Structures are given as structure tokens and as C-alpha cells.
Amino acid sequence: MSTIFVAGAGGYIGSVLIEALLDAGHRVRAFDRFFFRTALLADLETRPGLEVLRGDSRSVQASVFEGVDVAMDLAGISNDPS
């Protein structure tokens, strides 16, 4: 079982990826600003193995990577006008 850090966890891809990673037995550290909190992520918040951290990936502290085996960066601009 790996601990996976996912930046952009609250986005369209991140929220689906988190569910798949948890289903596969991984621990997930979800990191996002969560401006647009998805219903899927809200449903997952009580699942064992999920840690949710609110923050901006442009100024992430090194301490969030402690104990992390894999880091995935999905953070980005993802709204319709952009």
C-alpha cells in the first residue's frame, strides 16, 4: 500500500482518481484549494486512508510530502472560459 499525494484533488480528474486509488487500497493525501468542491470528493471524505489538505500548490510546504511514496500534480486551470 502506497501513500499518494494528489495536487488538484478537487478537480474533475483528481476527484475521480482519488476514488480509484482508494479502491485499489492506497492511502491518499488530497491537496487542493477546493474552490469548487465536488460532490464526489465530499462523499469520499469519510473513507479510511484519505487525508484532505486545503492549500495552494504554488506555495506548498515540504512537510506535506512526509511519508509520501508518489506525488501526482493535477493542479491547473480547468474552467470553461479558460
N, C-alpha and C. Protein backbone atom coordinates (compact mmCIF):
# COMPACT_ATOMS: atom_id res chain seq x y z
N MET A 1 0.85 -1.17 0.00
CA MET A 1 0.00 0.00 0.00
C MET A 1 0.90 1.24 0.00
N SER A 2 0.70 2.12 -0.95
CA SER A 2 1.47 3.35 -1.08
C SER A 2 0.67 4.53 -0.57
N THR A 3 1.39 5.56 -0.18
CA THR A 3 0.76 6.84 0.14
C THR A 3 0.99 7.75 -1.05
N ILE A 4 -0.10 8.24 -1.62
CA ILE A 4 -0.04 9.03 -2.85
C ILE A 4 -0.55 10.43 -2.57
N PHE A 5 0.27 11.43 -2.91
CA PHE A 5 -0.09 12.84 -2.79
C PHE A 5 -0.69 13.27 -4.12
N VAL A 6 -1.89 13.85 -4.09
CA VAL A 6 -2.55 14.30 -5.32
C VAL A 6 -2.84 15.79 -5.20
N ALA A 7 -2.07 16.61 -5.93
CA ALA A 7 -2.35 18.04 -6.03
C ALA A 7 -3.42 18.23 -7.10
N GLY A 8 -4.39 19.06 -6.83
CA GLY A 8 -5.52 19.21 -7.75
C GLY A 8 -6.57 18.16 -7.50
N ALA A 9 -6.64 17.68 -6.28
CA ALA A 9 -7.54 16.58 -5.91
C ALA A 9 -9.01 16.93 -6.02
N GLY A 10 -9.35 18.20 -5.98
CA GLY A 10 -10.75 18.59 -6.04
C GLY A 10 -11.27 18.82 -7.45
N GLY A 11 -10.42 18.64 -8.43
CA GLY A 11 -10.82 18.87 -9.81
C GLY A 11 -11.55 17.70 -10.43
N TYR A 12 -11.89 17.84 -11.70
CA TYR A 12 -12.64 16.81 -12.42
C TYR A 12 -11.88 15.48 -12.43
N ILE A 13 -10.61 15.54 -12.76
CA ILE A 13 -9.81 14.32 -12.85
C ILE A 13 -9.40 13.85 -11.46
N GLY A 14 -8.94 14.78 -10.63
CA GLY A 14 -8.45 14.43 -9.30
C GLY A 14 -9.47 13.72 -8.44
N SER A 15 -10.69 14.19 -8.46
CA SER A 15 -11.71 13.58 -7.60
C SER A 15 -12.04 12.15 -8.02
N VAL A 16 -11.98 11.88 -9.32
CA VAL A 16 -12.22 10.52 -9.81
C VAL A 16 -11.00 9.64 -9.52
N LEU A 17 -9.82 10.20 -9.71
CA LEU A 17 -8.59 9.46 -9.44
C LEU A 17 -8.49 9.05 -7.98
N ILE A 18 -8.86 9.93 -7.07
CA ILE A 18 -8.81 9.61 -5.64
C ILE A 18 -9.65 8.39 -5.32
N GLU A 19 -10.84 8.32 -5.87
CA GLU A 19 -11.71 7.16 -5.62
C GLU A 19 -11.04 5.88 -6.14
N ALA A 20 -10.46 5.94 -7.32
CA ALA A 20 -9.80 4.76 -7.89
C ALA A 20 -8.60 4.33 -7.04
N LEU A 21 -7.84 5.29 -6.55
CA LEU A 21 -6.68 4.97 -5.72
C LEU A 21 -7.10 4.35 -4.39
N LEU A 22 -8.14 4.90 -3.79
CA LEU A 22 -8.65 4.32 -2.54
C LEU A 22 -9.19 2.91 -2.77
N ASP A 23 -9.91 2.72 -3.86
CA ASP A 23 -10.44 1.39 -4.19
C ASP A 23 -9.32 0.37 -4.39
N ALA A 24 -8.17 0.85 -4.86
CA ALA A 24 -7.02 -0.04 -5.09
C ALA A 24 -6.22 -0.29 -3.81
N GLY A 25 -6.65 0.32 -2.70
CA GLY A 25 -6.01 0.07 -1.42
C GLY A 25 -4.92 1.04 -1.02
N HIS A 26 -4.77 2.12 -1.76
CA HIS A 26 -3.75 3.11 -1.42
C HIS A 26 -4.25 4.12 -0.39
N ARG A 27 -3.31 4.74 0.29
CA ARG A 27 -3.62 5.90 1.14
C ARG A 27 -3.43 7.12 0.25
N VAL A 28 -4.32 8.11 0.39
CA VAL A 28 -4.28 9.29 -0.47
C VAL A 28 -4.25 10.55 0.39
N ARG A 29 -3.32 11.44 0.06
CA ARG A 29 -3.27 12.77 0.67
C ARG A 29 -3.74 13.74 -0.42
N ALA A 30 -4.98 14.18 -0.31
CA ALA A 30 -5.61 15.04 -1.31
C ALA A 30 -5.33 16.50 -0.98
N PHE A 31 -4.79 17.24 -1.95
CA PHE A 31 -4.38 18.63 -1.74
C PHE A 31 -5.01 19.50 -2.82
N ASP A 32 -5.68 20.56 -2.41
CA ASP A 32 -6.33 21.46 -3.37
C ASP A 32 -6.77 22.71 -2.62
N ARG A 33 -7.09 23.77 -3.37
CA ARG A 33 -7.70 24.96 -2.75
C ARG A 33 -9.18 24.73 -2.51
N PHE A 34 -9.77 23.80 -3.22
CA PHE A 34 -11.18 23.43 -3.08
C PHE A 34 -12.12 24.62 -3.24
N PHE A 35 -11.87 25.44 -4.27
CA PHE A 35 -12.82 26.50 -4.60
C PHE A 35 -14.13 25.90 -5.08
N PHE A 36 -14.03 24.82 -5.85
CA PHE A 36 -15.20 24.16 -6.41
C PHE A 36 -15.22 22.73 -5.89
N ARG A 37 -15.66 22.55 -4.68
CA ARG A 37 -15.66 21.23 -4.04
C ARG A 37 -16.64 20.32 -4.77
N THR A 38 -16.17 19.18 -5.19
CA THR A 38 -17.03 18.26 -5.94
C THR A 38 -17.82 17.38 -4.98
N ALA A 39 -18.98 16.97 -5.41
CA ALA A 39 -19.82 16.08 -4.60
C ALA A 39 -19.11 14.74 -4.40
N LEU A 40 -18.38 14.29 -5.41
CA LEU A 40 -17.68 13.02 -5.30
C LEU A 40 -16.66 13.06 -4.17
N LEU A 41 -15.87 14.11 -4.11
CA LEU A 41 -14.87 14.22 -3.04
C LEU A 41 -15.55 14.33 -1.68
N ALA A 42 -16.65 15.04 -1.60
CA ALA A 42 -17.37 15.15 -0.33
C ALA A 42 -17.85 13.77 0.12
N ASP A 43 -18.27 12.92 -0.81
CA ASP A 43 -18.69 11.56 -0.48
C ASP A 43 -17.53 10.70 0.00
N LEU A 44 -16.32 11.01 -0.44
CA LEU A 44 -15.15 10.20 -0.11
C LEU A 44 -14.48 10.61 1.19
N GLU A 45 -14.79 11.77 1.71
CA GLU A 45 -14.06 12.31 2.86
C GLU A 45 -14.05 11.40 4.09
N THR A 46 -15.03 10.56 4.23
CA THR A 46 -15.07 9.68 5.40
C THR A 46 -14.40 8.33 5.15
N ARG A 47 -13.89 8.11 3.96
CA ARG A 47 -13.24 6.83 3.65
C ARG A 47 -11.91 6.71 4.37
N PRO A 48 -11.63 5.54 4.92
CA PRO A 48 -10.32 5.31 5.54
C PRO A 48 -9.22 5.46 4.49
N GLY A 49 -8.10 6.01 4.90
CA GLY A 49 -6.97 6.16 4.00
C GLY A 49 -6.92 7.48 3.27
N LEU A 50 -7.94 8.33 3.45
CA LEU A 50 -7.96 9.62 2.78
C LEU A 50 -7.68 10.73 3.77
N GLU A 51 -6.70 11.55 3.44
CA GLU A 51 -6.38 12.75 4.22
C GLU A 51 -6.57 13.94 3.29
N VAL A 52 -7.39 14.90 3.67
CA VAL A 52 -7.68 16.06 2.84
C VAL A 52 -6.97 17.28 3.42
N LEU A 53 -6.15 17.93 2.57
CA LEU A 53 -5.43 19.14 2.96
C LEU A 53 -5.82 20.27 2.03
N ARG A 54 -6.15 21.41 2.61
CA ARG A 54 -6.51 22.58 1.80
C ARG A 54 -5.30 23.49 1.68
N GLY A 55 -4.95 23.84 0.45
CA GLY A 55 -3.81 24.72 0.23
C GLY A 55 -3.62 25.00 -1.25
N ASP A 56 -2.67 25.87 -1.53
CA ASP A 56 -2.37 26.28 -2.89
C ASP A 56 -1.06 25.61 -3.32
N SER A 57 -1.08 24.90 -4.42
CA SER A 57 0.10 24.16 -4.86
C SER A 57 1.25 25.08 -5.28
N ARG A 58 0.98 26.37 -5.45
CA ARG A 58 2.05 27.30 -5.79
C ARG A 58 2.90 27.65 -4.57
N SER A 59 2.40 27.30 -3.38
CA SER A 59 3.17 27.60 -2.17
C SER A 59 3.04 26.46 -1.16
N VAL A 60 3.24 25.26 -1.62
CA VAL A 60 3.10 24.07 -0.77
C VAL A 60 4.34 23.93 0.12
N GLN A 61 4.10 23.51 1.36
CA GLN A 61 5.18 23.28 2.31
C GLN A 61 5.75 21.87 2.11
N ALA A 62 7.03 21.72 2.30
CA ALA A 62 7.68 20.42 2.12
C ALA A 62 7.11 19.37 3.06
N SER A 63 6.59 19.78 4.19
CA SER A 63 6.08 18.83 5.19
C SER A 63 4.90 18.00 4.68
N VAL A 64 4.17 18.48 3.68
CA VAL A 64 3.03 17.70 3.17
C VAL A 64 3.48 16.45 2.43
N PHE A 65 4.77 16.39 2.09
CA PHE A 65 5.29 15.23 1.36
C PHE A 65 5.91 14.18 2.29
N GLU A 66 5.92 14.43 3.59
CA GLU A 66 6.48 13.46 4.52
C GLU A 66 5.67 12.16 4.48
N GLY A 67 6.34 11.06 4.28
CA GLY A 67 5.68 9.76 4.21
C GLY A 67 5.02 9.45 2.89
N VAL A 68 5.19 10.31 1.89
CA VAL A 68 4.56 10.12 0.57
C VAL A 68 5.48 9.30 -0.32
N ASP A 69 4.91 8.32 -0.99
CA ASP A 69 5.66 7.48 -1.93
C ASP A 69 5.59 8.00 -3.36
N VAL A 70 4.45 8.58 -3.72
CA VAL A 70 4.22 9.05 -5.09
C VAL A 70 3.51 10.40 -5.02
N ALA A 71 3.93 11.34 -5.88
CA ALA A 71 3.26 12.64 -5.98
C ALA A 71 2.70 12.80 -7.39
N MET A 72 1.44 13.21 -7.47
CA MET A 72 0.79 13.44 -8.76
C MET A 72 0.29 14.87 -8.78
N ASP A 73 0.68 15.64 -9.81
CA ASP A 73 0.30 17.04 -9.90
C ASP A 73 -0.76 17.21 -10.98
N LEU A 74 -2.01 17.36 -10.53
CA LEU A 74 -3.13 17.57 -11.46
C LEU A 74 -3.67 18.99 -11.35
N ALA A 75 -2.98 19.84 -10.59
CA ALA A 75 -3.46 21.21 -10.37
C ALA A 75 -3.31 22.00 -11.67
N GLY A 76 -4.29 22.82 -11.96
CA GLY A 76 -4.22 23.64 -13.16
C GLY A 76 -5.51 24.41 -13.38
N ILE A 77 -5.53 25.20 -14.39
CA ILE A 77 -6.72 25.98 -14.74
C ILE A 77 -7.67 25.05 -15.48
N SER A 78 -8.89 24.95 -15.00
CA SER A 78 -9.80 23.99 -15.63
C SER A 78 -11.25 24.48 -15.61
N ASN A 79 -11.44 25.74 -15.94
CA ASN A 79 -12.83 26.20 -16.03
C ASN A 79 -13.19 26.47 -17.49
N ASP A 80 -14.45 26.59 -17.76
CA ASP A 80 -14.92 26.72 -19.14
C ASP A 80 -14.31 27.92 -19.88
N PRO A 81 -14.29 29.13 -19.29
CA PRO A 81 -13.74 30.26 -20.04
C PRO A 81 -12.25 30.11 -20.35
N SER A 82 -11.51 29.43 -19.49
CA SER A 82 -10.07 29.31 -19.72
C SER A 82 -9.79 28.34 -20.84
